[in-house]
Amino acid sequence: MKPLIRKSDYDSIKKILIATVQMGYHRDTLALEKELRNCTVVADHLVGDHIVRPGSTVEVLDSLHDRTICVTIVTPKDACVSTGHISILAPLAVALLGFEEGHEFTWNLPSGERRLKIEKVK
């Protein structure tokens, strides 16, 4: 299943990527750039609230560690791990972006491979 991205979100994310590269952090953008190449960009009204997008708060079940985490996907300047606000450039945000509640997948994070399930999107 390919992730769904709203056209307006796609445009905003591309601007973030361009700005990040211009600041000299190209390596930080590679995973998100790859995901954007693989996504399906659709009209804004076709993406419901159950799809993860920038600004979404997401409850994610990590079945390997049998725990649920809650994160909000934000711009890099608004990221604050201690409050659960993760940058859209973060590996977990890249893994979640464009998928819907109930979606299960395996993703390689810096801490190792994880089996994740999107429990709730707000």
PDB file of N, CA and C in Angstrom:
ATOM      1  N   MET A   1       0.840  -1.184   0.000  1.00  0.00           N
ATOM      2  CA  MET A   1       0.000   0.000   0.000  1.00  0.00           C
ATOM      3  C   MET A   1       0.886   1.248   0.000  1.00  0.00           C
ATOM      4  N   LYS A   2       0.619   2.143  -0.915  1.00  0.00           N
ATOM      5  CA  LYS A   2       1.377   3.388  -0.992  1.00  0.00           C
ATOM      6  C   LYS A   2       0.752   4.432  -0.070  1.00  0.00           C
ATOM      7  N   PRO A   3       1.588   5.233   0.586  1.00  0.00           N
ATOM      8  CA  PRO A   3       1.037   6.289   1.437  1.00  0.00           C
ATOM      9  C   PRO A   3       0.313   7.350   0.616  1.00  0.00           C
ATOM     10  N   LEU A   4      -0.742   7.926   1.200  1.00  0.00           N
ATOM     11  CA  LEU A   4      -1.494   9.018   0.573  1.00  0.00           C
ATOM     12  C   LEU A   4      -1.075  10.340   1.199  1.00  0.00           C
ATOM     13  N   ILE A   5      -0.747  11.303   0.361  1.00  0.00           N
ATOM     14  CA  ILE A   5      -0.340  12.619   0.838  1.00  0.00           C
ATOM     15  C   ILE A   5      -1.210  13.676   0.171  1.00  0.00           C
ATOM     16  N   ARG A   6      -1.766  14.580   0.984  1.00  0.00           N
ATOM     17  CA  ARG A   6      -2.531  15.703   0.421  1.00  0.00           C
ATOM     18  C   ARG A   6      -1.595  16.592  -0.382  1.00  0.00           C
ATOM     19  N   LYS A   7      -2.102  17.161  -1.464  1.00  0.00           N
ATOM     20  CA  LYS A   7      -1.297  18.027  -2.326  1.00  0.00           C
ATOM     21  C   LYS A   7      -0.699  19.183  -1.534  1.00  0.00           C
ATOM     22  N   SER A   8      -1.485  19.820  -0.677  1.00  0.00           N
ATOM     23  CA  SER A   8      -0.960  20.955   0.095  1.00  0.00           C
ATOM     24  C   SER A   8       0.137  20.508   1.062  1.00  0.00           C
ATOM     25  N   ASP A   9      -0.012  19.316   1.661  1.00  0.00           N
ATOM     26  CA  ASP A   9       1.028  18.793   2.551  1.00  0.00           C
ATOM     27  C   ASP A   9       2.288  18.455   1.758  1.00  0.00           C
ATOM     28  N   TYR A  10       2.104  17.866   0.584  1.00  0.00           N
ATOM     29  CA  TYR A  10       3.238  17.537  -0.282  1.00  0.00           C
ATOM     30  C   TYR A  10       4.037  18.802  -0.588  1.00  0.00           C
ATOM     31  N   ASP A  11       3.345  19.863  -0.961  1.00  0.00           N
ATOM     32  CA  ASP A  11       4.016  21.127  -1.283  1.00  0.00           C
ATOM     33  C   ASP A  11       4.753  21.693  -0.068  1.00  0.00           C
ATOM     34  N   SER A  12       4.131  21.636   1.099  1.00  0.00           N
ATOM     35  CA  SER A  12       4.763  22.136   2.328  1.00  0.00           C
ATOM     36  C   SER A  12       5.996  21.315   2.696  1.00  0.00           C
ATOM     37  N   ILE A  13       5.877  20.008   2.563  1.00  0.00           N
ATOM     38  CA  ILE A  13       6.999  19.124   2.887  1.00  0.00           C
ATOM     39  C   ILE A  13       8.169  19.378   1.937  1.00  0.00           C
ATOM     40  N   LYS A  14       7.870  19.563   0.664  1.00  0.00           N
ATOM     41  CA  LYS A  14       8.937  19.850  -0.307  1.00  0.00           C
ATOM     42  C   LYS A  14       9.682  21.129   0.083  1.00  0.00           C
ATOM     43  N   LYS A  15       8.959  22.144   0.559  1.00  0.00           N
ATOM     44  CA  LYS A  15       9.605  23.393   0.991  1.00  0.00           C
ATOM     45  C   LYS A  15      10.518  23.145   2.192  1.00  0.00           C
ATOM     46  N   ILE A  16      10.067  22.315   3.117  1.00  0.00           N
ATOM     47  CA  ILE A  16      10.897  21.968   4.277  1.00  0.00           C
ATOM     48  C   ILE A  16      12.156  21.250   3.815  1.00  0.00           C
ATOM     49  N   LEU A  17      12.008  20.321   2.883  1.00  0.00           N
ATOM     50  CA  LEU A  17      13.168  19.586   2.374  1.00  0.00           C
ATOM     51  C   LEU A  17      14.169  20.520   1.698  1.00  0.00           C
ATOM     52  N   ILE A  18      13.676  21.422   0.880  1.00  0.00           N
ATOM     53  CA  ILE A  18      14.559  22.373   0.185  1.00  0.00           C
ATOM     54  C   ILE A  18      15.310  23.238   1.199  1.00  0.00           C
ATOM     55  N   ALA A  19      14.595  23.754   2.194  1.00  0.00           N
ATOM     56  CA  ALA A  19      15.228  24.602   3.213  1.00  0.00           C
ATOM     57  C   ALA A  19      16.264  23.817   4.012  1.00  0.00           C
ATOM     58  N   THR A  20      15.958  22.572   4.334  1.00  0.00           N
ATOM     59  CA  THR A  20      16.880  21.739   5.107  1.00  0.00           C
ATOM     60  C   THR A  20      18.154  21.467   4.319  1.00  0.00           C
ATOM     61  N   VAL A  21      18.013  21.172   3.043  1.00  0.00           N
ATOM     62  CA  VAL A  21      19.178  20.943   2.182  1.00  0.00           C
ATOM     63  C   VAL A  21      20.011  22.218   2.069  1.00  0.00           C
ATOM     64  N   GLN A  22      19.354  23.355   1.921  1.00  0.00           N
ATOM     65  CA  GLN A  22      20.072  24.629   1.800  1.00  0.00           C
ATOM     66  C   GLN A  22      20.861  24.963   3.066  1.00  0.00           C
ATOM     67  N   MET A  23      20.406  24.440   4.208  1.00  0.00           N
ATOM     68  CA  MET A  23      21.128  24.662   5.464  1.00  0.00           C
ATOM     69  C   MET A  23      22.269  23.661   5.642  1.00  0.00           C
ATOM     70  N   GLY A  24      22.425  22.750   4.686  1.00  0.00           N
ATOM     71  CA  GLY A  24      23.535  21.799   4.739  1.00  0.00           C
ATOM     72  C   GLY A  24      23.216  20.467   5.380  1.00  0.00           C
ATOM     73  N   TYR A  25      21.944  20.158   5.545  1.00  0.00           N
ATOM     74  CA  TYR A  25      21.556  18.913   6.205  1.00  0.00           C
ATOM     75  C   TYR A  25      20.914  17.924   5.233  1.00  0.00           C
ATOM     76  N   HIS A  26      21.502  17.762   4.072  1.00  0.00           N
ATOM     77  CA  HIS A  26      20.912  16.902   3.043  1.00  0.00           C
ATOM     78  C   HIS A  26      20.711  15.468   3.524  1.00  0.00           C
ATOM     79  N   ARG A  27      21.655  14.945   4.279  1.00  0.00           N
ATOM     80  CA  ARG A  27      21.552  13.561   4.754  1.00  0.00           C
ATOM     81  C   ARG A  27      20.275  13.336   5.573  1.00  0.00           C
ATOM     82  N   ASP A  28      19.842  14.360   6.301  1.00  0.00           N
ATOM     83  CA  ASP A  28      18.641  14.245   7.129  1.00  0.00           C
ATOM     84  C   ASP A  28      17.359  14.148   6.305  1.00  0.00           C
ATOM     85  N   THR A  29      17.427  14.494   5.039  1.00  0.00           N
ATOM     86  CA  THR A  29      16.223  14.528   4.202  1.00  0.00           C
ATOM     87  C   THR A  29      16.033  13.280   3.345  1.00  0.00           C
ATOM     88  N   LEU A  30      17.042  12.426   3.265  1.00  0.00           N
ATOM     89  CA  LEU A  30      17.021  11.322   2.297  1.00  0.00           C
ATOM     90  C   LEU A  30      15.832  10.378   2.456  1.00  0.00           C
ATOM     91  N   ALA A  31      15.532   9.966   3.684  1.00  0.00           N
ATOM     92  CA  ALA A  31      14.429   9.017   3.893  1.00  0.00           C
ATOM     93  C   ALA A  31      13.089   9.632   3.502  1.00  0.00           C
ATOM     94  N   LEU A  32      12.872  10.883   3.883  1.00  0.00           N
ATOM     95  CA  LEU A  32      11.606  11.535   3.549  1.00  0.00           C
ATOM     96  C   LEU A  32      11.498  11.773   2.044  1.00  0.00           C
ATOM     97  N   GLU A  33      12.596  12.145   1.414  1.00  0.00           N
ATOM     98  CA  GLU A  33      12.580  12.314  -0.045  1.00  0.00           C
ATOM     99  C   GLU A  33      12.185  11.008  -0.732  1.00  0.00           C
ATOM    100  N   LYS A  34      12.725   9.902  -0.253  1.00  0.00           N
ATOM    101  CA  LYS A  34      12.399   8.586  -0.828  1.00  0.00           C
ATOM    102  C   LYS A  34      10.917   8.271  -0.645  1.00  0.00           C
ATOM    103  N   GLU A  35      10.395   8.525   0.545  1.00  0.00           N
ATOM    104  CA  GLU A  35       8.979   8.252   0.792  1.00  0.00           C
ATOM    105  C   GLU A  35       8.084   9.114  -0.095  1.00  0.00           C
ATOM    106  N   LEU A  36       8.457  10.358  -0.292  1.00  0.00           N
ATOM    107  CA  LEU A  36       7.649  11.234  -1.148  1.00  0.00           C
ATOM    108  C   LEU A  36       7.629  10.745  -2.592  1.00  0.00           C
ATOM    109  N   ARG A  37       8.735  10.172  -3.041  1.00  0.00           N
ATOM    110  CA  ARG A  37       8.765   9.619  -4.403  1.00  0.00           C
ATOM    111  C   ARG A  37       7.829   8.417  -4.539  1.00  0.00           C
ATOM    112  N   ASN A  38       7.592   7.714  -3.431  1.00  0.00           N
ATOM    113  CA  ASN A  38       6.765   6.506  -3.459  1.00  0.00           C
ATOM    114  C   ASN A  38       5.308   6.742  -3.081  1.00  0.00           C
ATOM    115  N   CYS A  39       4.951   7.955  -2.704  1.00  0.00           N
ATOM    116  CA  CYS A  39       3.589   8.217  -2.237  1.00  0.00           C
ATOM    117  C   CYS A  39       2.650   8.550  -3.396  1.00  0.00           C
ATOM    118  N   THR A  40       1.377   8.549  -3.080  1.00  0.00           N
ATOM    119  CA  THR A  40       0.349   8.992  -4.018  1.00  0.00           C
ATOM    120  C   THR A  40      -0.152  10.347  -3.538  1.00  0.00           C
ATOM    121  N   VAL A  41       0.029  11.369  -4.365  1.00  0.00           N
ATOM    122  CA  VAL A  41      -0.409  12.725  -4.021  1.00  0.00           C
ATOM    123  C   VAL A  41      -1.833  12.896  -4.533  1.00  0.00           C
ATOM    124  N   VAL A  42      -2.738  13.309  -3.633  1.00  0.00           N
ATOM    125  CA  VAL A  42      -4.152  13.442  -3.993  1.00  0.00           C
ATOM    126  C   VAL A  42      -4.679  14.808  -3.554  1.00  0.00           C
ATOM    127  N   ALA A  43      -5.830  15.169  -4.082  1.00  0.00           N
ATOM    128  CA  ALA A  43      -6.494  16.413  -3.683  1.00  0.00           C
ATOM    129  C   ALA A  43      -6.752  16.389  -2.178  1.00  0.00           C
ATOM    130  N   ASP A  44      -6.640  17.543  -1.558  1.00  0.00           N
ATOM    131  CA  ASP A  44      -6.775  17.639  -0.103  1.00  0.00           C
ATOM    132  C   ASP A  44      -8.052  16.998   0.425  1.00  0.00           C
ATOM    133  N   HIS A  45      -9.164  17.201  -0.236  1.00  0.00           N
ATOM    134  CA  HIS A  45     -10.448  16.708   0.275  1.00  0.00           C
ATOM    135  C   HIS A  45     -10.556  15.179   0.238  1.00  0.00           C
ATOM    136  N   LEU A  46      -9.627  14.507  -0.414  1.00  0.00           N
ATOM    137  CA  LEU A  46      -9.665  13.042  -0.493  1.00  0.00           C
ATOM    138  C   LEU A  46      -8.941  12.351   0.656  1.00  0.00           C
ATOM    139  N   VAL A  47      -8.275  13.126   1.508  1.00  0.00           N
ATOM    140  CA  VAL A  47      -7.537  12.553   2.635  1.00  0.00           C
ATOM    141  C   VAL A  47      -8.290  12.877   3.916  1.00  0.00           C
ATOM    142  N   GLY A  48      -8.807  11.836   4.560  1.00  0.00           N
ATOM    143  CA  GLY A  48      -9.571  12.014   5.792  1.00  0.00           C
ATOM    144  C   GLY A  48      -8.683  12.183   7.011  1.00  0.00           C
ATOM    145  N   ASP A  49      -9.321  12.426   8.139  1.00  0.00           N
ATOM    146  CA  ASP A  49      -8.602  12.639   9.393  1.00  0.00           C
ATOM    147  C   ASP A  49      -7.945  11.368   9.924  1.00  0.00           C
ATOM    148  N   HIS A  50      -8.273  10.222   9.364  1.00  0.00           N
ATOM    149  CA  HIS A  50      -7.704   8.953   9.820  1.00  0.00           C
ATOM    150  C   HIS A  50      -6.361   8.643   9.150  1.00  0.00           C
ATOM    151  N   ILE A  51      -5.908   9.544   8.260  1.00  0.00           N
ATOM    152  CA  ILE A  51      -4.626   9.394   7.568  1.00  0.00           C
ATOM    153  C   ILE A  51      -3.590  10.286   8.257  1.00  0.00           C
ATOM    154  N   VAL A  52      -2.402   9.744   8.531  1.00  0.00           N
ATOM    155  CA  VAL A  52      -1.345  10.510   9.186  1.00  0.00           C
ATOM    156  C   VAL A  52      -0.791  11.562   8.228  1.00  0.00           C
ATOM    157  N   ARG A  53      -0.733  12.792   8.724  1.00  0.00           N
ATOM    158  CA  ARG A  53      -0.216  13.915   7.938  1.00  0.00           C
ATOM    159  C   ARG A  53       0.496  14.871   8.893  1.00  0.00           C
ATOM    160  N   PRO A  54       1.198  15.873   8.373  1.00  0.00           N
ATOM    161  CA  PRO A  54       1.820  16.838   9.277  1.00  0.00           C
ATOM    162  C   PRO A  54       0.768  17.440  10.214  1.00  0.00           C
ATOM    163  N   GLY A  55       1.109  17.510  11.487  1.00  0.00           N
ATOM    164  CA  GLY A  55       0.179  18.018  12.491  1.00  0.00           C
ATOM    165  C   GLY A  55      -0.635  16.937  13.176  1.00  0.00           C
ATOM    166  N   SER A  56      -0.616  15.721  12.640  1.00  0.00           N
ATOM    167  CA  SER A  56      -1.371  14.621  13.254  1.00  0.00           C
ATOM    168  C   SER A  56      -0.728  14.183  14.563  1.00  0.00           C
ATOM    169  N   THR A  57      -1.590  13.819  15.512  1.00  0.00           N
ATOM    170  CA  THR A  57      -1.148  13.143  16.725  1.00  0.00           C
ATOM    171  C   THR A  57      -1.503  11.676  16.530  1.00  0.00           C
ATOM    172  N   VAL A  58      -0.513  10.813  16.714  1.00  0.00           N
ATOM    173  CA  VAL A  58      -0.661   9.406  16.352  1.00  0.00           C
ATOM    174  C   VAL A  58      -0.306   8.512  17.532  1.00  0.00           C
ATOM    175  N   GLU A  59      -1.195   7.559  17.823  1.00  0.00           N
ATOM    176  CA  GLU A  59      -0.890   6.520  18.803  1.00  0.00           C
ATOM    177  C   GLU A  59      -0.406   5.310  18.024  1.00  0.00           C
ATOM    178  N   VAL A  60       0.799   4.851  18.364  1.00  0.00           N
ATOM    179  CA  VAL A  60       1.442   3.767  17.629  1.00  0.00           C
ATOM    180  C   VAL A  60       1.770   2.634  18.587  1.00  0.00           C
ATOM    181  N   LEU A  61       1.364   1.425  18.231  1.00  0.00           N
ATOM    182  CA  LEU A  61       1.699   0.244  19.014  1.00  0.00           C
ATOM    183  C   LEU A  61       2.986  -0.350  18.470  1.00  0.00           C
ATOM    184  N   ASP A  62       3.974  -0.479  19.334  1.00  0.00           N
ATOM    185  CA  ASP A  62       5.225  -1.166  19.010  1.00  0.00           C
ATOM    186  C   ASP A  62       5.063  -2.578  19.555  1.00  0.00           C
ATOM    187  N   SER A  63       4.720  -3.531  18.679  1.00  0.00           N
ATOM    188  CA  SER A  63       4.390  -4.879  19.148  1.00  0.00           C
ATOM    189  C   SER A  63       5.607  -5.628  19.667  1.00  0.00           C
ATOM    190  N   LEU A  64       6.794  -5.293  19.207  1.00  0.00           N
ATOM    191  CA  LEU A  64       8.007  -5.949  19.689  1.00  0.00           C
ATOM    192  C   LEU A  64       8.224  -5.681  21.173  1.00  0.00           C
ATOM    193  N   HIS A  65       7.959  -4.448  21.587  1.00  0.00           N
ATOM    194  CA  HIS A  65       8.137  -4.061  22.986  1.00  0.00           C
ATOM    195  C   HIS A  65       6.811  -3.965  23.740  1.00  0.00           C
ATOM    196  N   ASP A  66       5.708  -4.301  23.077  1.00  0.00           N
ATOM    197  CA  ASP A  66       4.374  -4.287  23.664  1.00  0.00           C
ATOM    198  C   ASP A  66       4.086  -2.973  24.406  1.00  0.00           C
ATOM    199  N   ARG A  67       4.283  -1.871  23.681  1.00  0.00           N
ATOM    200  CA  ARG A  67       3.987  -0.568  24.273  1.00  0.00           C
ATOM    201  C   ARG A  67       3.419   0.358  23.207  1.00  0.00           C
ATOM    202  N   THR A  68       2.628   1.310  23.670  1.00  0.00           N
ATOM    203  CA  THR A  68       2.044   2.306  22.779  1.00  0.00           C
ATOM    204  C   THR A  68       2.715   3.639  23.053  1.00  0.00           C
ATOM    205  N   ILE A  69       3.068   4.325  21.971  1.00  0.00           N
ATOM    206  CA  ILE A  69       3.635   5.659  22.106  1.00  0.00           C
ATOM    207  C   ILE A  69       2.727   6.637  21.374  1.00  0.00           C
ATOM    208  N   CYS A  70       2.760   7.870  21.811  1.00  0.00           N
ATOM    209  CA  CYS A  70       1.944   8.914  21.197  1.00  0.00           C
ATOM    210  C   CYS A  70       2.878  10.032  20.742  1.00  0.00           C
ATOM    211  N   VAL A  71       2.808  10.360  19.458  1.00  0.00           N
ATOM    212  CA  VAL A  71       3.655  11.412  18.899  1.00  0.00           C
ATOM    213  C   VAL A  71       2.816  12.354  18.044  1.00  0.00           C
ATOM    214  N   THR A  72       3.277  13.588  17.952  1.00  0.00           N
ATOM    215  CA  THR A  72       2.685  14.568  17.049  1.00  0.00           C
ATOM    216  C   THR A  72       3.751  14.936  16.028  1.00  0.00           C
ATOM    217  N   ILE A  73       3.389  14.889  14.742  1.00  0.00           N
ATOM    218  CA  ILE A  73       4.338  15.170  13.670  1.00  0.00           C
ATOM    219  C   ILE A  73       4.323  16.668  13.374  1.00  0.00           C
ATOM    220  N   VAL A  74       5.492  17.291  13.517  1.00  0.00           N
ATOM    221  CA  VAL A  74       5.608  18.745  13.386  1.00  0.00           C
ATOM    222  C   VAL A  74       6.780  19.106  12.472  1.00  0.00           C
ATOM    223  N   THR A  75       6.900  20.398  12.180  1.00  0.00           N
ATOM    224  CA  THR A  75       8.044  20.876  11.407  1.00  0.00           C
ATOM    225  C   THR A  75       9.309  20.732  12.257  1.00  0.00           C
ATOM    226  N   PRO A  76      10.475  20.676  11.621  1.00  0.00           N
ATOM    227  CA  PRO A  76      11.717  20.524  12.399  1.00  0.00           C
ATOM    228  C   PRO A  76      11.896  21.595  13.478  1.00  0.00           C
ATOM    229  N   LYS A  77      11.511  22.828  13.207  1.00  0.00           N
ATOM    230  CA  LYS A  77      11.708  23.901  14.199  1.00  0.00           C
ATOM    231  C   LYS A  77      10.790  23.750  15.414  1.00  0.00           C
ATOM    232  N   ASP A  78       9.697  23.007  15.284  1.00  0.00           N
ATOM    233  CA  ASP A  78       8.757  22.822  16.389  1.00  0.00           C
ATOM    234  C   ASP A  78       8.954  21.500  17.131  1.00  0.00           C
ATOM    235  N   ALA A  79       9.939  20.722  16.714  1.00  0.00           N
ATOM    236  CA  ALA A  79      10.162  19.408  17.327  1.00  0.00           C
ATOM    237  C   ALA A  79      10.678  19.548  18.759  1.00  0.00           C
ATOM    238  N   CYS A  80      10.159  18.692  19.627  1.00  0.00           N
ATOM    239  CA  CYS A  80      10.588  18.639  21.030  1.00  0.00           C
ATOM    240  C   CYS A  80      10.263  17.230  21.527  1.00  0.00           C
ATOM    241  N   VAL A  81      11.256  16.376  21.538  1.00  0.00           N
ATOM    242  CA  VAL A  81      11.038  14.968  21.856  1.00  0.00           C
ATOM    243  C   VAL A  81      10.401  14.791  23.232  1.00  0.00           C
ATOM    244  N   SER A  82      10.769  15.627  24.200  1.00  0.00           N
ATOM    245  CA  SER A  82      10.236  15.466  25.558  1.00  0.00           C
ATOM    246  C   SER A  82       8.726  15.678  25.630  1.00  0.00           C
ATOM    247  N   THR A  83       8.154  16.406  24.667  1.00  0.00           N
ATOM    248  CA  THR A  83       6.704  16.610  24.643  1.00  0.00           C
ATOM    249  C   THR A  83       6.019  15.724  23.602  1.00  0.00           C
ATOM    250  N   GLY A  84       6.798  14.862  22.949  1.00  0.00           N
ATOM    251  CA  GLY A  84       6.221  13.966  21.947  1.00  0.00           C
ATOM    252  C   GLY A  84       6.039  14.597  20.585  1.00  0.00           C
ATOM    253  N   HIS A  85       6.597  15.772  20.383  1.00  0.00           N
ATOM    254  CA  HIS A  85       6.517  16.454  19.088  1.00  0.00           C
ATOM    255  C   HIS A  85       7.758  16.081  18.281  1.00  0.00           C
ATOM    256  N   ILE A  86       7.575  15.232  17.259  1.00  0.00           N
ATOM    257  CA  ILE A  86       8.718  14.770  16.478  1.00  0.00           C
ATOM    258  C   ILE A  86       8.740  15.442  15.110  1.00  0.00           C
ATOM    259  N   SER A  87       9.942  15.692  14.648  1.00  0.00           N
ATOM    260  CA  SER A  87      10.130  16.327  13.349  1.00  0.00           C
ATOM    261  C   SER A  87       9.634  15.420  12.234  1.00  0.00           C
ATOM    262  N   ILE A  88       9.091  16.024  11.211  1.00  0.00           N
ATOM    263  CA  ILE A  88       8.663  15.285  10.029  1.00  0.00           C
ATOM    264  C   ILE A  88       9.848  14.572   9.374  1.00  0.00           C
ATOM    265  N   LEU A  89      11.072  14.996   9.701  1.00  0.00           N
ATOM    266  CA  LEU A  89      12.278  14.354   9.185  1.00  0.00           C
ATOM    267  C   LEU A  89      12.702  13.146  10.013  1.00  0.00           C
ATOM    268  N   ALA A  90      12.102  12.961  11.191  1.00  0.00           N
ATOM    269  CA  ALA A  90      12.463  11.847  12.069  1.00  0.00           C
ATOM    270  C   ALA A  90      12.048  10.518  11.438  1.00  0.00           C
ATOM    271  N   PRO A  91      12.846   9.473  11.637  1.00  0.00           N
ATOM    272  CA  PRO A  91      12.519   8.173  11.034  1.00  0.00           C
ATOM    273  C   PRO A  91      11.104   7.677  11.344  1.00  0.00           C
ATOM    274  N   LEU A  92      10.638   7.858  12.583  1.00  0.00           N
ATOM    275  CA  LEU A  92       9.289   7.400  12.918  1.00  0.00           C
ATOM    276  C   LEU A  92       8.235   8.197  12.162  1.00  0.00           C
ATOM    277  N   ALA A  93       8.414   9.500  12.051  1.00  0.00           N
ATOM    278  CA  ALA A  93       7.459  10.331  11.301  1.00  0.00           C
ATOM    279  C   ALA A  93       7.413   9.904   9.841  1.00  0.00           C
ATOM    280  N   VAL A  94       8.575   9.651   9.263  1.00  0.00           N
ATOM    281  CA  VAL A  94       8.641   9.197   7.867  1.00  0.00           C
ATOM    282  C   VAL A  94       7.894   7.874   7.711  1.00  0.00           C
ATOM    283  N   ALA A  95       8.030   6.991   8.695  1.00  0.00           N
ATOM    284  CA  ALA A  95       7.361   5.689   8.636  1.00  0.00           C
ATOM    285  C   ALA A  95       5.844   5.814   8.699  1.00  0.00           C
ATOM    286  N   LEU A  96       5.339   6.807   9.410  1.00  0.00           N
ATOM    287  CA  LEU A  96       3.898   6.953   9.631  1.00  0.00           C
ATOM    288  C   LEU A  96       3.181   7.764   8.558  1.00  0.00           C
ATOM    289  N   LEU A  97       3.864   8.710   7.985  1.00  0.00           N
ATOM    290  CA  LEU A  97       3.263   9.678   7.079  1.00  0.00           C
ATOM    291  C   LEU A  97       2.500   9.019   5.927  1.00  0.00           C
ATOM    292  N   GLY A  98       1.224   9.392   5.801  1.00  0.00           N
ATOM    293  CA  GLY A  98       0.412   8.931   4.678  1.00  0.00           C
ATOM    294  C   GLY A  98      -0.335   7.631   4.892  1.00  0.00           C
ATOM    295  N   PHE A  99      -0.155   7.014   6.051  1.00  0.00           N
ATOM    296  CA  PHE A  99      -0.854   5.758   6.318  1.00  0.00           C
ATOM    297  C   PHE A  99      -2.028   5.992   7.274  1.00  0.00           C
ATOM    298  N   GLU A 100      -2.930   5.009   7.352  1.00  0.00           N
ATOM    299  CA  GLU A 100      -4.166   5.191   8.111  1.00  0.00           C
ATOM    300  C   GLU A 100      -4.217   4.318   9.350  1.00  0.00           C
ATOM    301  N   GLU A 101      -5.199   4.614  10.195  1.00  0.00           N
ATOM    302  CA  GLU A 101      -5.439   3.813  11.394  1.00  0.00           C
ATOM    303  C   GLU A 101      -5.575   2.350  11.004  1.00  0.00           C
ATOM    304  N   GLY A 102      -4.959   1.485  11.804  1.00  0.00           N
ATOM    305  CA  GLY A 102      -5.025   0.054  11.556  1.00  0.00           C
ATOM    306  C   GLY A 102      -3.881  -0.482  10.713  1.00  0.00           C
ATOM    307  N   HIS A 103      -3.143   0.406  10.057  1.00  0.00           N
ATOM    308  CA  HIS A 103      -2.042  -0.032   9.195  1.00  0.00           C
ATOM    309  C   HIS A 103      -0.916  -0.614  10.044  1.00  0.00           C
ATOM    310  N   GLU A 104      -0.455  -1.815   9.674  1.00  0.00           N
ATOM    311  CA  GLU A 104       0.654  -2.472  10.356  1.00  0.00           C
ATOM    312  C   GLU A 104       1.807  -2.621   9.384  1.00  0.00           C
ATOM    313  N   PHE A 105       3.016  -2.424   9.887  1.00  0.00           N
ATOM    314  CA  PHE A 105       4.179  -2.515   9.015  1.00  0.00           C
ATOM    315  C   PHE A 105       5.445  -2.700   9.837  1.00  0.00           C
ATOM    316  N   THR A 106       6.486  -3.136   9.162  1.00  0.00           N
ATOM    317  CA  THR A 106       7.808  -3.253   9.759  1.00  0.00           C
ATOM    318  C   THR A 106       8.642  -2.098   9.234  1.00  0.00           C
ATOM    319  N   TRP A 107       9.398  -1.473  10.127  1.00  0.00           N
ATOM    320  CA  TRP A 107      10.203  -0.320   9.725  1.00  0.00           C
ATOM    321  C   TRP A 107      11.551  -0.371  10.432  1.00  0.00           C
ATOM    322  N   ASN A 108      12.595  -0.052   9.714  1.00  0.00           N
ATOM    323  CA  ASN A 108      13.933   0.013  10.306  1.00  0.00           C
ATOM    324  C   ASN A 108      14.161   1.396  10.887  1.00  0.00           C
ATOM    325  N   LEU A 109      14.214   1.460  12.206  1.00  0.00           N
ATOM    326  CA  LEU A 109      14.501   2.690  12.926  1.00  0.00           C
ATOM    327  C   LEU A 109      15.950   2.626  13.411  1.00  0.00           C
ATOM    328  N   PRO A 110      16.520   3.747  13.827  1.00  0.00           N
ATOM    329  CA  PRO A 110      17.902   3.709  14.315  1.00  0.00           C
ATOM    330  C   PRO A 110      18.113   2.694  15.440  1.00  0.00           C
ATOM    331  N   SER A 111      17.072   2.439  16.219  1.00  0.00           N
ATOM    332  CA  SER A 111      17.179   1.487  17.327  1.00  0.00           C
ATOM    333  C   SER A 111      16.935   0.043  16.893  1.00  0.00           C
ATOM    334  N   GLY A 112      16.692  -0.174  15.614  1.00  0.00           N
ATOM    335  CA  GLY A 112      16.477  -1.526  15.100  1.00  0.00           C
ATOM    336  C   GLY A 112      15.127  -1.675  14.426  1.00  0.00           C
ATOM    337  N   GLU A 113      14.887  -2.862  13.904  1.00  0.00           N
ATOM    338  CA  GLU A 113      13.635  -3.120  13.191  1.00  0.00           C
ATOM    339  C   GLU A 113      12.470  -3.186  14.178  1.00  0.00           C
ATOM    340  N   ARG A 114      11.359  -2.551  13.815  1.00  0.00           N
ATOM    341  CA  ARG A 114      10.176  -2.530  14.672  1.00  0.00           C
ATOM    342  C   ARG A 114       8.946  -2.956  13.895  1.00  0.00           C
ATOM    343  N   ARG A 115       8.054  -3.635  14.572  1.00  0.00           N
ATOM    344  CA  ARG A 115       6.739  -3.970  14.030  1.00  0.00           C
ATOM    345  C   ARG A 115       5.775  -2.968  14.649  1.00  0.00           C
ATOM    346  N   LEU A 116       5.179  -2.118  13.814  1.00  0.00           N
ATOM    347  CA  LEU A 116       4.346  -1.022  14.290  1.00  0.00           C
ATOM    348  C   LEU A 116       2.920  -1.131  13.771  1.00  0.00           C
ATOM    349  N   LYS A 117       1.994  -0.612  14.551  1.00  0.00           N
ATOM    350  CA  LYS A 117       0.599  -0.531  14.135  1.00  0.00           C
ATOM    351  C   LYS A 117       0.066   0.841  14.533  1.00  0.00           C
ATOM    352  N   ILE A 118      -0.556   1.522  13.567  1.00  0.00           N
ATOM    353  CA  ILE A 118      -1.166   2.815  13.851  1.00  0.00           C
ATOM    354  C   ILE A 118      -2.512   2.549  14.524  1.00  0.00           C
ATOM    355  N   GLU A 119      -2.589   2.882  15.796  1.00  0.00           N
ATOM    356  CA  GLU A 119      -3.797   2.628  16.575  1.00  0.00           C
ATOM    357  C   GLU A 119      -4.830   3.735  16.401  1.00  0.00           C
ATOM    358  N   LYS A 120      -4.374   4.994  16.442  1.00  0.00           N
ATOM    359  CA  LYS A 120      -5.308   6.120  16.380  1.00  0.00           C
ATOM    360  C   LYS A 120      -4.604   7.335  15.783  1.00  0.00           C
ATOM    361  N   VAL A 121      -5.356   8.083  14.975  1.00  0.00           N
ATOM    362  CA  VAL A 121      -4.854   9.323  14.381  1.00  0.00           C
ATOM    363  C   VAL A 121      -5.808  10.442  14.774  1.00  0.00           C
ATOM    364  N   LYS A 122      -5.262  11.519  15.331  1.00  0.00           N
ATOM    365  CA  LYS A 122      -6.077  12.683  15.719  1.00  0.00           C
ATOM    366  C   LYS A 122      -5.537  13.908  15.022  1.00  0.00           C
TER     367      LYS A 122
END
